[in-house]
């Protein structure tokens, strides 16, 4: 299951948890979220603006995760 982060407020949509307050049950895939859905925390960003994080920790995107060339 994947996760997606709002670039403005850092809210994370987790497919495994869903977003019950928005009407999305646990295990609701990102593809099932309407394209016009806005971030529930800041309402500034639409679904298309969210950053895919994969299934790992926040900060995994944009080359910040473990992998070749990212050793610390």
PDB file of N, CA and C in Angstrom:
ATOM      1  N   UNK A   1       0.847  -1.171   0.000  1.00  0.00           N
ATOM      2  CA  UNK A   1       0.000   0.000   0.000  1.00  0.00           C
ATOM      3  C   UNK A   1       0.898   1.241   0.000  1.00  0.00           C
ATOM      4  N   UNK A   2       0.500   2.223  -0.751  1.00  0.00           N
ATOM      5  CA  UNK A   2       1.318   3.425  -0.933  1.00  0.00           C
ATOM      6  C   UNK A   2       0.825   4.573  -0.054  1.00  0.00           C
ATOM      7  N   UNK A   3       1.665   5.599   0.010  1.00  0.00           N
ATOM      8  CA  UNK A   3       1.363   6.815   0.768  1.00  0.00           C
ATOM      9  C   UNK A   3       1.652   8.023  -0.113  1.00  0.00           C
ATOM     10  N   UNK A   4       0.907   9.113   0.121  1.00  0.00           N
ATOM     11  CA  UNK A   4       1.028  10.327  -0.683  1.00  0.00           C
ATOM     12  C   UNK A   4       1.009  11.528   0.250  1.00  0.00           C
ATOM     13  N   UNK A   5       1.930  12.491   0.029  1.00  0.00           N
ATOM     14  CA  UNK A   5       2.091  13.629   0.934  1.00  0.00           C
ATOM     15  C   UNK A   5       1.736  14.950   0.264  1.00  0.00           C
ATOM     16  N   UNK A   6       0.997  15.794   0.988  1.00  0.00           N
ATOM     17  CA  UNK A   6       0.696  17.151   0.526  1.00  0.00           C
ATOM     18  C   UNK A   6       1.982  17.972   0.611  1.00  0.00           C
ATOM     19  N   UNK A   7       2.367  18.653  -0.465  1.00  0.00           N
ATOM     20  CA  UNK A   7       3.607  19.428  -0.444  1.00  0.00           C
ATOM     21  C   UNK A   7       3.521  20.709   0.392  1.00  0.00           C
ATOM     22  N   UNK A   8       2.326  21.141   0.757  1.00  0.00           N
ATOM     23  CA  UNK A   8       2.192  22.369   1.549  1.00  0.00           C
ATOM     24  C   UNK A   8       2.202  22.105   3.051  1.00  0.00           C
ATOM     25  N   UNK A   9       1.349  21.190   3.510  1.00  0.00           N
ATOM     26  CA  UNK A   9       1.195  21.004   4.955  1.00  0.00           C
ATOM     27  C   UNK A   9       1.752  19.679   5.465  1.00  0.00           C
ATOM     28  N   UNK A  10       2.238  18.830   4.574  1.00  0.00           N
ATOM     29  CA  UNK A  10       2.835  17.534   4.914  1.00  0.00           C
ATOM     30  C   UNK A  10       1.824  16.490   5.382  1.00  0.00           C
ATOM     31  N   UNK A  11       0.515  16.735   5.190  1.00  0.00           N
ATOM     32  CA  UNK A  11      -0.488  15.702   5.447  1.00  0.00           C
ATOM     33  C   UNK A  11      -0.147  14.494   4.584  1.00  0.00           C
ATOM     34  N   UNK A  12      -0.316  13.284   5.116  1.00  0.00           N
ATOM     35  CA  UNK A  12      -0.031  12.070   4.365  1.00  0.00           C
ATOM     36  C   UNK A  12      -1.296  11.225   4.255  1.00  0.00           C
ATOM     37  N   UNK A  13      -1.681  10.899   3.014  1.00  0.00           N
ATOM     38  CA  UNK A  13      -2.753   9.935   2.780  1.00  0.00           C
ATOM     39  C   UNK A  13      -2.109   8.567   2.690  1.00  0.00           C
ATOM     40  N   UNK A  14      -2.526   7.663   3.555  1.00  0.00           N
ATOM     41  CA  UNK A  14      -2.010   6.297   3.607  1.00  0.00           C
ATOM     42  C   UNK A  14      -3.118   5.370   3.119  1.00  0.00           C
ATOM     43  N   UNK A  15      -2.887   4.677   2.002  1.00  0.00           N
ATOM     44  CA  UNK A  15      -3.909   3.802   1.439  1.00  0.00           C
ATOM     45  C   UNK A  15      -4.378   2.756   2.445  1.00  0.00           C
ATOM     46  N   UNK A  16      -3.479   2.253   3.267  1.00  0.00           N
ATOM     47  CA  UNK A  16      -3.838   1.210   4.220  1.00  0.00           C
ATOM     48  C   UNK A  16      -4.826   1.738   5.275  1.00  0.00           C
ATOM     49  N   UNK A  17      -4.637   2.984   5.704  1.00  0.00           N
ATOM     50  CA  UNK A  17      -5.511   3.573   6.729  1.00  0.00           C
ATOM     51  C   UNK A  17      -6.747   4.240   6.142  1.00  0.00           C
ATOM     52  N   UNK A  18      -6.662   4.687   4.882  1.00  0.00           N
ATOM     53  CA  UNK A  18      -7.767   5.430   4.292  1.00  0.00           C
ATOM     54  C   UNK A  18      -7.915   6.783   4.974  1.00  0.00           C
ATOM     55  N   UNK A  19      -9.074   7.384   4.843  1.00  0.00           N
ATOM     56  CA  UNK A  19      -9.387   8.663   5.508  1.00  0.00           C
ATOM     57  C   UNK A  19     -10.879   8.642   5.786  1.00  0.00           C
ATOM     58  N   UNK A  20     -11.238   7.993   6.900  1.00  0.00           N
ATOM     59  CA  UNK A  20     -12.637   7.749   7.235  1.00  0.00           C
ATOM     60  C   UNK A  20     -13.443   9.046   7.296  1.00  0.00           C
ATOM     61  N   UNK A  21     -12.864  10.111   7.828  1.00  0.00           N
ATOM     62  CA  UNK A  21     -13.579  11.392   7.930  1.00  0.00           C
ATOM     63  C   UNK A  21     -13.896  11.993   6.559  1.00  0.00           C
ATOM     64  N   UNK A  22     -13.171  11.544   5.535  1.00  0.00           N
ATOM     65  CA  UNK A  22     -13.415  12.016   4.167  1.00  0.00           C
ATOM     66  C   UNK A  22     -14.263  11.015   3.377  1.00  0.00           C
ATOM     67  N   UNK A  23     -14.615   9.884   4.015  1.00  0.00           N
ATOM     68  CA  UNK A  23     -15.431   8.871   3.366  1.00  0.00           C
ATOM     69  C   UNK A  23     -14.647   7.777   2.661  1.00  0.00           C
ATOM     70  N   UNK A  24     -13.334   7.675   2.933  1.00  0.00           N
ATOM     71  CA  UNK A  24     -12.494   6.664   2.292  1.00  0.00           C
ATOM     72  C   UNK A  24     -12.105   5.610   3.321  1.00  0.00           C
ATOM     73  N   UNK A  25     -12.663   4.423   3.164  1.00  0.00           N
ATOM     74  CA  UNK A  25     -12.407   3.316   4.090  1.00  0.00           C
ATOM     75  C   UNK A  25     -10.949   2.872   4.015  1.00  0.00           C
ATOM     76  N   UNK A  26     -10.460   2.184   5.052  1.00  0.00           N
ATOM     77  CA  UNK A  26      -9.113   1.605   4.967  1.00  0.00           C
ATOM     78  C   UNK A  26      -8.987   0.765   3.695  1.00  0.00           C
ATOM     79  N   UNK A  27      -7.800   0.753   3.131  1.00  0.00           N
ATOM     80  CA  UNK A  27      -7.473   0.039   1.889  1.00  0.00           C
ATOM     81  C   UNK A  27      -8.083   0.682   0.646  1.00  0.00           C
ATOM     82  N   UNK A  28      -8.445   1.960   0.717  1.00  0.00           N
ATOM     83  CA  UNK A  28      -8.901   2.690  -0.469  1.00  0.00           C
ATOM     84  C   UNK A  28      -7.662   3.151  -1.230  1.00  0.00           C
ATOM     85  N   UNK A  29      -7.512   2.669  -2.453  1.00  0.00           N
ATOM     86  CA  UNK A  29      -6.320   3.010  -3.246  1.00  0.00           C
ATOM     87  C   UNK A  29      -6.369   4.468  -3.695  1.00  0.00           C
ATOM     88  N   UNK A  30      -5.211   5.003  -3.988  1.00  0.00           N
ATOM     89  CA  UNK A  30      -5.086   6.385  -4.469  1.00  0.00           C
ATOM     90  C   UNK A  30      -5.884   6.568  -5.758  1.00  0.00           C
ATOM     91  N   UNK A  31      -5.918   5.546  -6.601  1.00  0.00           N
ATOM     92  CA  UNK A  31      -6.651   5.617  -7.867  1.00  0.00           C
ATOM     93  C   UNK A  31      -8.155   5.795  -7.641  1.00  0.00           C
ATOM     94  N   UNK A  32      -8.659   5.358  -6.498  1.00  0.00           N
ATOM     95  CA  UNK A  32     -10.085   5.475  -6.189  1.00  0.00           C
ATOM     96  C   UNK A  32     -10.458   6.849  -5.628  1.00  0.00           C
ATOM     97  N   UNK A  33      -9.471   7.649  -5.248  1.00  0.00           N
ATOM     98  CA  UNK A  33      -9.726   8.986  -4.715  1.00  0.00           C
ATOM     99  C   UNK A  33     -10.076   9.898  -5.898  1.00  0.00           C
ATOM    100  N   UNK A  34     -11.150  10.675  -5.806  1.00  0.00           N
ATOM    101  CA  UNK A  34     -11.524  11.553  -6.928  1.00  0.00           C
ATOM    102  C   UNK A  34     -10.414  12.553  -7.273  1.00  0.00           C
ATOM    103  N   UNK A  35     -10.281  12.858  -8.551  1.00  0.00           N
ATOM    104  CA  UNK A  35      -9.242  13.786  -9.008  1.00  0.00           C
ATOM    105  C   UNK A  35      -9.408  15.189  -8.429  1.00  0.00           C
ATOM    106  N   UNK A  36     -10.627  15.578  -8.088  1.00  0.00           N
ATOM    107  CA  UNK A  36     -10.849  16.921  -7.547  1.00  0.00           C
ATOM    108  C   UNK A  36     -10.798  16.964  -6.013  1.00  0.00           C
ATOM    109  N   UNK A  37     -10.364  15.877  -5.385  1.00  0.00           N
ATOM    110  CA  UNK A  37     -10.232  15.821  -3.923  1.00  0.00           C
ATOM    111  C   UNK A  37      -9.128  16.761  -3.472  1.00  0.00           C
ATOM    112  N   UNK A  38      -9.400  17.552  -2.444  1.00  0.00           N
ATOM    113  CA  UNK A  38      -8.412  18.492  -1.895  1.00  0.00           C
ATOM    114  C   UNK A  38      -7.883  17.972  -0.565  1.00  0.00           C
ATOM    115  N   UNK A  39      -6.691  18.395  -0.217  1.00  0.00           N
ATOM    116  CA  UNK A  39      -6.071  18.019   1.048  1.00  0.00           C
ATOM    117  C   UNK A  39      -7.034  18.338   2.197  1.00  0.00           C
ATOM    118  N   UNK A  40      -7.326  17.367   3.071  1.00  0.00           N
ATOM    119  CA  UNK A  40      -8.264  17.627   4.160  1.00  0.00           C
ATOM    120  C   UNK A  40      -7.700  18.523   5.266  1.00  0.00           C
ATOM    121  N   UNK A  41      -6.392  18.688   5.321  1.00  0.00           N
ATOM    122  CA  UNK A  41      -5.794  19.536   6.357  1.00  0.00           C
ATOM    123  C   UNK A  41      -5.678  20.998   5.926  1.00  0.00           C
ATOM    124  N   UNK A  42      -5.210  21.252   4.700  1.00  0.00           N
ATOM    125  CA  UNK A  42      -4.990  22.642   4.289  1.00  0.00           C
ATOM    126  C   UNK A  42      -5.926  23.094   3.169  1.00  0.00           C
ATOM    127  N   UNK A  43      -6.537  22.158   2.451  1.00  0.00           N
ATOM    128  CA  UNK A  43      -7.449  22.446   1.340  1.00  0.00           C
ATOM    129  C   UNK A  43      -6.812  23.293   0.246  1.00  0.00           C
ATOM    130  N   UNK A  44      -5.498  23.409   0.270  1.00  0.00           N
ATOM    131  CA  UNK A  44      -4.783  24.217  -0.713  1.00  0.00           C
ATOM    132  C   UNK A  44      -4.423  23.387  -1.937  1.00  0.00           C
ATOM    133  N   UNK A  45      -4.115  22.132  -1.733  1.00  0.00           N
ATOM    134  CA  UNK A  45      -3.632  21.286  -2.825  1.00  0.00           C
ATOM    135  C   UNK A  45      -4.664  20.252  -3.244  1.00  0.00           C
ATOM    136  N   UNK A  46      -4.682  19.949  -4.545  1.00  0.00           N
ATOM    137  CA  UNK A  46      -5.535  18.901  -5.088  1.00  0.00           C
ATOM    138  C   UNK A  46      -4.757  17.598  -5.160  1.00  0.00           C
ATOM    139  N   UNK A  47      -5.461  16.527  -5.433  1.00  0.00           N
ATOM    140  CA  UNK A  47      -4.862  15.196  -5.498  1.00  0.00           C
ATOM    141  C   UNK A  47      -3.624  15.169  -6.394  1.00  0.00           C
ATOM    142  N   UNK A  48      -3.668  15.830  -7.528  1.00  0.00           N
ATOM    143  CA  UNK A  48      -2.558  15.814  -8.478  1.00  0.00           C
ATOM    144  C   UNK A  48      -1.279  16.449  -7.966  1.00  0.00           C
ATOM    145  N   UNK A  49      -1.366  17.239  -6.911  1.00  0.00           N
ATOM    146  CA  UNK A  49      -0.189  17.901  -6.347  1.00  0.00           C
ATOM    147  C   UNK A  49       0.552  17.039  -5.327  1.00  0.00           C
ATOM    148  N   UNK A  50      -0.099  15.991  -4.832  1.00  0.00           N
ATOM    149  CA  UNK A  50       0.503  15.158  -3.792  1.00  0.00           C
ATOM    150  C   UNK A  50       1.743  14.434  -4.306  1.00  0.00           C
ATOM    151  N   UNK A  51       2.684  14.194  -3.408  1.00  0.00           N
ATOM    152  CA  UNK A  51       3.955  13.547  -3.734  1.00  0.00           C
ATOM    153  C   UNK A  51       3.888  12.084  -3.309  1.00  0.00           C
ATOM    154  N   UNK A  52       4.124  11.134  -4.234  1.00  0.00           N
ATOM    155  CA  UNK A  52       4.121   9.717  -3.852  1.00  0.00           C
ATOM    156  C   UNK A  52       5.293   9.407  -2.921  1.00  0.00           C
ATOM    157  N   UNK A  53       4.999   8.723  -1.828  1.00  0.00           N
ATOM    158  CA  UNK A  53       6.035   8.340  -0.875  1.00  0.00           C
ATOM    159  C   UNK A  53       6.320   6.847  -0.902  1.00  0.00           C
ATOM    160  N   UNK A  54       5.527   6.064  -1.612  1.00  0.00           N
ATOM    161  CA  UNK A  54       5.685   4.621  -1.552  1.00  0.00           C
ATOM    162  C   UNK A  54       5.118   4.114  -0.240  1.00  0.00           C
ATOM    163  N   UNK A  55       5.652   3.018   0.255  1.00  0.00           N
ATOM    164  CA  UNK A  55       5.135   2.434   1.491  1.00  0.00           C
ATOM    165  C   UNK A  55       6.057   2.683   2.669  1.00  0.00           C
ATOM    166  N   UNK A  56       7.150   3.426   2.454  1.00  0.00           N
ATOM    167  CA  UNK A  56       8.122   3.669   3.519  1.00  0.00           C
ATOM    168  C   UNK A  56       7.824   4.921   4.311  1.00  0.00           C
ATOM    169  N   UNK A  57       8.821   5.411   5.003  1.00  0.00           N
ATOM    170  CA  UNK A  57       8.668   6.562   5.887  1.00  0.00           C
ATOM    171  C   UNK A  57       8.568   7.869   5.111  1.00  0.00           C
ATOM    172  N   UNK A  58       7.981   8.870   5.742  1.00  0.00           N
ATOM    173  CA  UNK A  58       7.912  10.210   5.163  1.00  0.00           C
ATOM    174  C   UNK A  58       9.327  10.680   4.896  1.00  0.00           C
ATOM    175  N   UNK A  59       9.561  11.298   3.743  1.00  0.00           N
ATOM    176  CA  UNK A  59      10.898  11.754   3.380  1.00  0.00           C
ATOM    177  C   UNK A  59      11.583  10.804   2.424  1.00  0.00           C
ATOM    178  N   UNK A  60      10.887   9.745   2.038  1.00  0.00           N
ATOM    179  CA  UNK A  60      11.462   8.753   1.144  1.00  0.00           C
ATOM    180  C   UNK A  60      11.537   9.258  -0.294  1.00  0.00           C
ATOM    181  N   UNK A  61      10.746  10.272  -0.646  1.00  0.00           N
ATOM    182  CA  UNK A  61      10.704  10.776  -2.019  1.00  0.00           C
ATOM    183  C   UNK A  61      11.910  11.659  -2.334  1.00  0.00           C
ATOM    184  N   UNK A  62      12.045  12.008  -3.569  1.00  0.00           N
ATOM    185  CA  UNK A  62      13.066  12.956  -4.045  1.00  0.00           C
ATOM    186  C   UNK A  62      14.484  12.549  -3.681  1.00  0.00           C
ATOM    187  N   UNK A  63      14.749  11.232  -3.723  1.00  0.00           N
ATOM    188  CA  UNK A  63      16.110  10.768  -3.490  1.00  0.00           C
ATOM    189  C   UNK A  63      16.550  10.816  -2.049  1.00  0.00           C
ATOM    190  N   UNK A  64      15.628  10.977  -1.127  1.00  0.00           N
ATOM    191  CA  UNK A  64      16.003  11.051   0.278  1.00  0.00           C
ATOM    192  C   UNK A  64      16.020   9.684   0.944  1.00  0.00           C
ATOM    193  N   UNK A  65      15.520   8.655   0.262  1.00  0.00           N
ATOM    194  CA  UNK A  65      15.484   7.323   0.850  1.00  0.00           C
ATOM    195  C   UNK A  65      16.815   6.615   0.694  1.00  0.00           C
ATOM    196  N   UNK A  66      16.891   5.429   1.272  1.00  0.00           N
ATOM    197  CA  UNK A  66      18.110   4.636   1.165  1.00  0.00           C
ATOM    198  C   UNK A  66      18.261   4.134  -0.262  1.00  0.00           C
ATOM    199  N   UNK A  67      19.484   3.961  -0.684  1.00  0.00           N
ATOM    200  CA  UNK A  67      19.743   3.454  -2.017  1.00  0.00           C
ATOM    201  C   UNK A  67      21.107   3.880  -2.475  1.00  0.00           C
ATOM    202  N   UNK A  68      21.539   3.384  -3.619  1.00  0.00           N
ATOM    203  CA  UNK A  68      22.856   3.751  -4.135  1.00  0.00           C
ATOM    204  C   UNK A  68      22.998   5.265  -4.256  1.00  0.00           C
ATOM    205  N   UNK A  69      24.068   5.788  -3.743  1.00  0.00           N
ATOM    206  CA  UNK A  69      24.322   7.215  -3.814  1.00  0.00           C
ATOM    207  C   UNK A  69      23.710   8.004  -2.675  1.00  0.00           C
ATOM    208  N   UNK A  70      22.926   7.342  -1.833  1.00  0.00           N
ATOM    209  CA  UNK A  70      22.281   8.020  -0.714  1.00  0.00           C
ATOM    210  C   UNK A  70      22.806   7.546   0.632  1.00  0.00           C
ATOM    211  N   UNK A  71      23.947   6.891   0.638  1.00  0.00           N
ATOM    212  CA  UNK A  71      24.507   6.417   1.893  1.00  0.00           C
ATOM    213  C   UNK A  71      24.880   7.595   2.769  1.00  0.00           C
ATOM    214  N   UNK A  72      24.768   7.436   4.045  1.00  0.00           N
ATOM    215  CA  UNK A  72      25.093   8.504   4.989  1.00  0.00           C
ATOM    216  C   UNK A  72      26.223   8.075   5.882  1.00  0.00           C
TER     217      UNK A  72
END
